[in-house]
Amino acid sequence: LMNCRKHGSDGDGGGEVHLVLRYDNALRNFDEIVMNGLDEEMVRAGIHIHRNTGGVAKVELDASNPSKKNVHTVSGQMIPNVDVVLMATSRIPNVDGLQLTENTSVQLNPKNGTVQVDEWQNTSSPSIYAIGDVCGKVLLTPMAIAAGRRLADRLFGTVEMTMAHSKADYDNVPTVVFSHPPIGTIGLTESEAVSKYGSDNIKVYRST
């Protein structure tokens, strides 16, 4: 079992590969054609996809063969005789040790623990700022670097640096998925564009 970043090379290498998905597709929040296209390529490569499992509940050694593992999903599926399990466990903000809620007025998102900031990276506590994945928006290293640079410009830059030029722009951020085949996107998805501009104002072009 493995994540999308690893599935391609290993799936083509002769081994039996299972991909356990919490939801219906390997990718979420991408264009439908991209999500479905990747899934089709994985199936074509011989990868076994387990959909809508809710994630992995537990991994235990096989009683009859301790060199193998049995993988149990939240939905009740069991994948037996697994040699190697690679878990993509996602990320949660590592802020507990900072005791922000006890010692400051910094507000955290009650759902996922991310630090709440405005468009200028200001938290709800004066003189405390936050950038990067801990804010829960566009979880990409280059985006965190850009936000940090803009914040440094605003706090420590010259007088000529105006407020309008010293905040990160989170629109049209390019991103890549290290899957097989690799995927690159930028801008709104089709559904997001329809929601923002209306279906009558959107034209979709596809090529093969």
C-alpha atoms as a PDB file:
ATOM      1  CA  LEU A   1       0.000   0.000   0.000  1.00  0.00           C
ATOM      2  CA  MET A   2       1.370   3.391  -0.881  1.00  0.00           C
ATOM      3  CA  ASN A   3       0.561   6.958  -1.753  1.00  0.00           C
ATOM      4  CA  CYS A   4       0.298   8.539  -5.208  1.00  0.00           C
ATOM      5  CA  ARG A   5       3.870   9.776  -5.185  1.00  0.00           C
ATOM      6  CA  LYS A   6       5.213   6.225  -4.963  1.00  0.00           C
ATOM      7  CA  HIS A   7       2.598   4.180  -6.760  1.00  0.00           C
ATOM      8  CA  GLY A   8       3.783   4.642 -10.347  1.00  0.00           C
ATOM      9  CA  SER A   9       7.318   3.333 -10.278  1.00  0.00           C
ATOM     10  CA  ASP A  10       6.484   0.470  -7.932  1.00  0.00           C
ATOM     11  CA  GLY A  11       3.287  -0.448  -9.760  1.00  0.00           C
ATOM     12  CA  ASP A  12       5.215  -0.886 -13.004  1.00  0.00           C
ATOM     13  CA  GLY A  13       7.969  -2.885 -11.314  1.00  0.00           C
ATOM     14  CA  GLY A  14       6.164  -6.212 -11.171  1.00  0.00           C
ATOM     15  CA  GLY A  15       4.923  -6.061  -7.592  1.00  0.00           C
ATOM     16  CA  GLU A  16       1.279  -6.163  -6.557  1.00  0.00           C
ATOM     17  CA  VAL A  17       0.323  -2.696  -5.377  1.00  0.00           C
ATOM     18  CA  HIS A  18      -2.779  -1.665  -3.419  1.00  0.00           C
ATOM     19  CA  LEU A  19      -3.769   1.968  -2.944  1.00  0.00           C
ATOM     20  CA  VAL A  20      -6.097   2.662  -0.023  1.00  0.00           C
ATOM     21  CA  LEU A  21      -8.158   5.839  -0.428  1.00  0.00           C
ATOM     22  CA  ARG A  22     -10.210   7.544   2.233  1.00  0.00           C
ATOM     23  CA  TYR A  23     -12.540   8.914  -0.432  1.00  0.00           C
ATOM     24  CA  ASP A  24     -13.479   8.119  -4.025  1.00  0.00           C
ATOM     25  CA  ASN A  25     -10.435   9.444  -5.884  1.00  0.00           C
ATOM     26  CA  ALA A  26      -6.706   9.496  -5.248  1.00  0.00           C
ATOM     27  CA  LEU A  27      -6.753  13.280  -5.693  1.00  0.00           C
ATOM     28  CA  ARG A  28      -9.208  15.821  -4.356  1.00  0.00           C
ATOM     29  CA  ASN A  29      -9.813  19.475  -5.205  1.00  0.00           C
ATOM     30  CA  PHE A  30      -8.503  19.046  -8.746  1.00  0.00           C
ATOM     31  CA  ASP A  31     -10.319  19.146 -12.081  1.00  0.00           C
ATOM     32  CA  GLU A  32     -12.489  16.092 -12.628  1.00  0.00           C
ATOM     33  CA  ILE A  33     -10.616  15.197 -15.812  1.00  0.00           C
ATOM     34  CA  VAL A  34      -7.335  15.233 -13.871  1.00  0.00           C
ATOM     35  CA  MET A  35      -8.626  13.152 -10.965  1.00  0.00           C
ATOM     36  CA  ASN A  36     -10.295  10.586 -13.200  1.00  0.00           C
ATOM     37  CA  GLY A  37      -7.363  10.505 -15.597  1.00  0.00           C
ATOM     38  CA  LEU A  38      -4.904   9.622 -12.852  1.00  0.00           C
ATOM     39  CA  ASP A  39      -7.184   6.917 -11.483  1.00  0.00           C
ATOM     40  CA  GLU A  40      -7.571   5.402 -14.955  1.00  0.00           C
ATOM     41  CA  GLU A  41      -3.794   5.319 -15.427  1.00  0.00           C
ATOM     42  CA  MET A  42      -3.285   3.649 -12.061  1.00  0.00           C
ATOM     43  CA  VAL A  43      -5.862   0.987 -12.853  1.00  0.00           C
ATOM     44  CA  ARG A  44      -4.296   0.474 -16.274  1.00  0.00           C
ATOM     45  CA  ALA A  45      -0.934  -0.060 -14.544  1.00  0.00           C
ATOM     46  CA  GLY A  46      -2.484  -2.890 -12.534  1.00  0.00           C
ATOM     47  CA  ILE A  47      -2.828  -1.082  -9.217  1.00  0.00           C
ATOM     48  CA  HIS A  48      -5.663  -2.248  -6.963  1.00  0.00           C
ATOM     49  CA  ILE A  49      -7.571   0.792  -5.691  1.00  0.00           C
ATOM     50  CA  HIS A  50      -9.681   0.541  -2.534  1.00  0.00           C
ATOM     51  CA  ARG A  51     -12.063   3.507  -2.507  1.00  0.00           C
ATOM     52  CA  ASN A  52     -14.075   5.201   0.231  1.00  0.00           C
ATOM     53  CA  THR A  53     -12.380   3.227   2.987  1.00  0.00           C
ATOM     54  CA  GLY A  54     -12.184   6.049   5.503  1.00  0.00           C
ATOM     55  CA  GLY A  55      -8.453   5.313   5.771  1.00  0.00           C
ATOM     56  CA  VAL A  56      -6.401   2.633   7.482  1.00  0.00           C
ATOM     57  CA  ALA A  57      -7.700   1.632  10.906  1.00  0.00           C
ATOM     58  CA  LYS A  58      -4.872  -0.707  11.893  1.00  0.00           C
ATOM     59  CA  VAL A  59      -2.012  -2.823  10.572  1.00  0.00           C
ATOM     60  CA  GLU A  60      -1.275  -6.118  12.300  1.00  0.00           C
ATOM     61  CA  LEU A  61       1.119  -9.000  11.752  1.00  0.00           C
ATOM     62  CA  ASP A  62      -0.347 -12.101  10.164  1.00  0.00           C
ATOM     63  CA  ALA A  63      -0.653 -14.762  12.848  1.00  0.00           C
ATOM     64  CA  SER A  64       0.382 -17.579  10.509  1.00  0.00           C
ATOM     65  CA  ASN A  65       3.207 -15.649   8.839  1.00  0.00           C
ATOM     66  CA  PRO A  66       4.764 -12.838  10.924  1.00  0.00           C
ATOM     67  CA  SER A  67       6.679 -11.556   7.892  1.00  0.00           C
ATOM     68  CA  LYS A  68       3.351 -10.451   6.382  1.00  0.00           C
ATOM     69  CA  LYS A  69       0.893  -7.790   7.493  1.00  0.00           C
ATOM     70  CA  ASN A  70      -2.869  -7.566   7.358  1.00  0.00           C
ATOM     71  CA  VAL A  71      -4.238  -4.102   6.725  1.00  0.00           C
ATOM     72  CA  HIS A  72      -7.690  -3.207   8.069  1.00  0.00           C
ATOM     73  CA  THR A  73      -9.580  -0.135   6.858  1.00  0.00           C
ATOM     74  CA  VAL A  74     -12.084   1.990   8.740  1.00  0.00           C
ATOM     75  CA  SER A  75     -14.839   0.734   6.425  1.00  0.00           C
ATOM     76  CA  GLY A  76     -14.140  -2.879   7.380  1.00  0.00           C
ATOM     77  CA  GLN A  77     -12.088  -4.080   4.422  1.00  0.00           C
ATOM     78  CA  MET A  78      -9.061  -6.289   5.029  1.00  0.00           C
ATOM     79  CA  ILE A  79      -6.055  -6.569   2.715  1.00  0.00           C
ATOM     80  CA  PRO A  80      -4.073  -9.696   3.660  1.00  0.00           C
ATOM     81  CA  ASN A  81      -0.473 -10.813   3.160  1.00  0.00           C
ATOM     82  CA  VAL A  82       1.074  -7.386   2.638  1.00  0.00           C
ATOM     83  CA  ASP A  83       4.870  -7.179   2.500  1.00  0.00           C
ATOM     84  CA  VAL A  84       5.359  -3.419   2.924  1.00  0.00           C
ATOM     85  CA  VAL A  85       3.013  -0.665   4.084  1.00  0.00           C
ATOM     86  CA  LEU A  86       3.774   2.950   3.226  1.00  0.00           C
ATOM     87  CA  MET A  87       1.497   5.387   4.998  1.00  0.00           C
ATOM     88  CA  ALA A  88       0.741   8.911   3.802  1.00  0.00           C
ATOM     89  CA  THR A  89      -0.458  10.200   7.158  1.00  0.00           C
ATOM     90  CA  SER A  90      -1.073  13.834   6.197  1.00  0.00           C
ATOM     91  CA  ARG A  91      -0.124  16.693   8.494  1.00  0.00           C
ATOM     92  CA  ILE A  92      -1.474  18.463  11.532  1.00  0.00           C
ATOM     93  CA  PRO A  93       0.011  21.693  12.905  1.00  0.00           C
ATOM     94  CA  ASN A  94       2.664  21.091  15.560  1.00  0.00           C
ATOM     95  CA  VAL A  95       1.582  23.941  17.831  1.00  0.00           C
ATOM     96  CA  ASP A  96       0.608  22.236  21.091  1.00  0.00           C
ATOM     97  CA  GLY A  97       3.972  22.872  22.717  1.00  0.00           C
ATOM     98  CA  LEU A  98       3.702  26.597  22.036  1.00  0.00           C
ATOM     99  CA  GLN A  99       0.666  26.895  24.342  1.00  0.00           C
ATOM    100  CA  LEU A 100      -0.750  29.624  22.141  1.00  0.00           C
ATOM    101  CA  THR A 101      -4.266  29.491  23.518  1.00  0.00           C
ATOM    102  CA  GLU A 102      -3.011  29.528  27.110  1.00  0.00           C
ATOM    103  CA  ASN A 103      -0.478  32.345  26.792  1.00  0.00           C
ATOM    104  CA  THR A 104      -1.659  34.470  23.852  1.00  0.00           C
ATOM    105  CA  SER A 105      -4.802  35.567  22.080  1.00  0.00           C
ATOM    106  CA  VAL A 106      -3.854  33.675  18.912  1.00  0.00           C
ATOM    107  CA  GLN A 107      -6.928  31.931  17.534  1.00  0.00           C
ATOM    108  CA  LEU A 108      -6.743  28.397  16.153  1.00  0.00           C
ATOM    109  CA  ASN A 109      -9.155  26.720  13.781  1.00  0.00           C
ATOM    110  CA  PRO A 110     -11.205  24.405  16.038  1.00  0.00           C
ATOM    111  CA  LYS A 111     -11.526  21.804  13.243  1.00  0.00           C
ATOM    112  CA  ASN A 112      -7.882  21.244  12.339  1.00  0.00           C
ATOM    113  CA  GLY A 113      -5.764  23.319  14.717  1.00  0.00           C
ATOM    114  CA  THR A 114      -4.338  25.647  12.071  1.00  0.00           C
ATOM    115  CA  VAL A 115      -3.394  29.188  13.069  1.00  0.00           C
ATOM    116  CA  GLN A 116      -5.928  31.714  11.815  1.00  0.00           C
ATOM    117  CA  VAL A 117      -4.355  34.624   9.941  1.00  0.00           C
ATOM    118  CA  ASP A 118      -5.549  37.435   7.701  1.00  0.00           C
ATOM    119  CA  GLU A 119      -4.220  38.201   4.220  1.00  0.00           C
ATOM    120  CA  TRP A 120      -1.177  39.906   5.774  1.00  0.00           C
ATOM    121  CA  GLN A 121      -0.184  36.847   7.872  1.00  0.00           C
ATOM    122  CA  ASN A 122      -1.303  38.618  11.061  1.00  0.00           C
ATOM    123  CA  THR A 123      -2.710  36.427  13.786  1.00  0.00           C
ATOM    124  CA  SER A 124      -5.337  37.685  16.217  1.00  0.00           C
ATOM    125  CA  SER A 125      -2.521  38.561  18.636  1.00  0.00           C
ATOM    126  CA  PRO A 126      -0.548  41.770  17.954  1.00  0.00           C
ATOM    127  CA  SER A 127       3.104  41.184  16.955  1.00  0.00           C
ATOM    128  CA  ILE A 128       2.577  37.441  16.371  1.00  0.00           C
ATOM    129  CA  TYR A 129       2.589  36.280  12.755  1.00  0.00           C
ATOM    130  CA  ALA A 130       2.296  32.902  11.065  1.00  0.00           C
ATOM    131  CA  ILE A 131       3.272  31.609   7.636  1.00  0.00           C
ATOM    132  CA  GLY A 132       3.366  28.286   5.830  1.00  0.00           C
ATOM    133  CA  ASP A 133       1.499  25.027   6.360  1.00  0.00           C
ATOM    134  CA  VAL A 134       0.573  25.939   9.943  1.00  0.00           C
ATOM    135  CA  CYS A 135      -1.944  28.396   8.433  1.00  0.00           C
ATOM    136  CA  GLY A 136      -3.632  25.634   6.416  1.00  0.00           C
ATOM    137  CA  LYS A 137      -3.692  27.498   3.094  1.00  0.00           C
ATOM    138  CA  VAL A 138      -1.829  26.323  -0.030  1.00  0.00           C
ATOM    139  CA  LEU A 139       0.429  23.759   1.652  1.00  0.00           C
ATOM    140  CA  LEU A 140       3.473  24.215  -0.578  1.00  0.00           C
ATOM    141  CA  THR A 141       7.031  25.075   0.455  1.00  0.00           C
ATOM    142  CA  PRO A 142       7.535  27.773  -2.236  1.00  0.00           C
ATOM    143  CA  MET A 143       4.313  29.435  -1.085  1.00  0.00           C
ATOM    144  CA  ALA A 144       5.548  29.527   2.517  1.00  0.00           C
ATOM    145  CA  ILE A 145       8.842  31.040   1.343  1.00  0.00           C
ATOM    146  CA  ALA A 146       6.973  33.699  -0.667  1.00  0.00           C
ATOM    147  CA  ALA A 147       4.736  34.561   2.293  1.00  0.00           C
ATOM    148  CA  GLY A 148       7.773  34.829   4.578  1.00  0.00           C
ATOM    149  CA  ARG A 149       9.558  37.151   2.189  1.00  0.00           C
ATOM    150  CA  ARG A 150       6.536  39.402   1.833  1.00  0.00           C
ATOM    151  CA  LEU A 151       6.090  39.523   5.602  1.00  0.00           C
ATOM    152  CA  ALA A 152       9.774  40.395   6.079  1.00  0.00           C
ATOM    153  CA  ASP A 153       9.436  43.130   3.454  1.00  0.00           C
ATOM    154  CA  ARG A 154       6.481  44.613   5.261  1.00  0.00           C
ATOM    155  CA  LEU A 155       8.029  44.444   8.733  1.00  0.00           C
ATOM    156  CA  PHE A 156      11.626  45.324   7.941  1.00  0.00           C
ATOM    157  CA  GLY A 157      11.662  46.723   4.411  1.00  0.00           C
ATOM    158  CA  THR A 158      12.214  50.266   3.239  1.00  0.00           C
ATOM    159  CA  VAL A 159       9.592  52.997   3.249  1.00  0.00           C
ATOM    160  CA  GLU A 160       9.118  52.569  -0.505  1.00  0.00           C
ATOM    161  CA  MET A 161       7.673  49.078   0.023  1.00  0.00           C
ATOM    162  CA  THR A 162       3.943  49.709   0.151  1.00  0.00           C
ATOM    163  CA  MET A 163       1.402  47.506   1.908  1.00  0.00           C
ATOM    164  CA  ALA A 164      -0.043  46.385  -1.434  1.00  0.00           C
ATOM    165  CA  HIS A 165       3.290  44.868  -2.466  1.00  0.00           C
ATOM    166  CA  SER A 166       4.124  43.158   0.784  1.00  0.00           C
ATOM    167  CA  LYS A 167       1.601  40.368   1.090  1.00  0.00           C
ATOM    168  CA  ALA A 168       1.545  36.942  -0.520  1.00  0.00           C
ATOM    169  CA  ASP A 169      -0.734  36.354  -3.494  1.00  0.00           C
ATOM    170  CA  TYR A 170      -2.506  33.016  -3.094  1.00  0.00           C
ATOM    171  CA  ASP A 171      -4.245  33.187  -6.477  1.00  0.00           C
ATOM    172  CA  ASN A 172      -2.987  31.153  -9.435  1.00  0.00           C
ATOM    173  CA  VAL A 173      -0.390  29.195  -7.498  1.00  0.00           C
ATOM    174  CA  PRO A 174       1.139  26.430  -9.663  1.00  0.00           C
ATOM    175  CA  THR A 175       1.326  22.992  -8.131  1.00  0.00           C
ATOM    176  CA  VAL A 176       2.574  19.581  -9.193  1.00  0.00           C
ATOM    177  CA  VAL A 177       1.654  16.045  -8.169  1.00  0.00           C
ATOM    178  CA  PHE A 178       4.568  13.598  -8.272  1.00  0.00           C
ATOM    179  CA  SER A 179       2.392  10.786  -9.540  1.00  0.00           C
ATOM    180  CA  HIS A 180       2.856   8.637 -12.616  1.00  0.00           C
ATOM    181  CA  PRO A 181       2.110  10.277 -14.968  1.00  0.00           C
ATOM    182  CA  PRO A 182       3.080  13.575 -13.286  1.00  0.00           C
ATOM    183  CA  ILE A 183       0.445  16.295 -13.042  1.00  0.00           C
ATOM    184  CA  GLY A 184       0.786  20.066 -13.108  1.00  0.00           C
ATOM    185  CA  THR A 185      -1.994  22.603 -12.576  1.00  0.00           C
ATOM    186  CA  ILE A 186      -2.494  26.304 -12.025  1.00  0.00           C
ATOM    187  CA  GLY A 187      -5.495  28.510 -11.408  1.00  0.00           C
ATOM    188  CA  LEU A 188      -9.125  27.653 -10.778  1.00  0.00           C
ATOM    189  CA  THR A 189     -10.591  24.236 -11.412  1.00  0.00           C
ATOM    190  CA  GLU A 190     -13.502  24.067 -13.838  1.00  0.00           C
ATOM    191  CA  SER A 191     -16.049  23.788 -11.023  1.00  0.00           C
ATOM    192  CA  GLU A 192     -14.465  26.718  -9.171  1.00  0.00           C
ATOM    193  CA  ALA A 193     -14.522  28.811 -12.343  1.00  0.00           C
ATOM    194  CA  VAL A 194     -18.194  28.004 -12.927  1.00  0.00           C
ATOM    195  CA  SER A 195     -19.025  28.934  -9.334  1.00  0.00           C
ATOM    196  CA  LYS A 196     -17.138  32.222  -9.636  1.00  0.00           C
ATOM    197  CA  TYR A 197     -18.070  33.348 -13.147  1.00  0.00           C
ATOM    198  CA  GLY A 198     -21.127  31.278 -14.142  1.00  0.00           C
ATOM    199  CA  SER A 199     -21.321  28.402 -16.619  1.00  0.00           C
ATOM    200  CA  ASP A 200     -22.330  30.699 -19.502  1.00  0.00           C
ATOM    201  CA  ASN A 201     -19.043  32.553 -19.191  1.00  0.00           C
ATOM    202  CA  ILE A 202     -16.776  29.505 -19.192  1.00  0.00           C
ATOM    203  CA  LYS A 203     -15.306  27.700 -22.194  1.00  0.00           C
ATOM    204  CA  VAL A 204     -13.558  24.370 -21.729  1.00  0.00           C
ATOM    205  CA  TYR A 205     -11.034  23.025 -24.238  1.00  0.00           C
ATOM    206  CA  ARG A 206      -9.708  19.483 -24.131  1.00  0.00           C
ATOM    207  CA  SER A 207      -7.037  17.722 -26.156  1.00  0.00           C
ATOM    208  CA  THR A 208      -5.692  14.194 -26.262  1.00  0.00           C
END
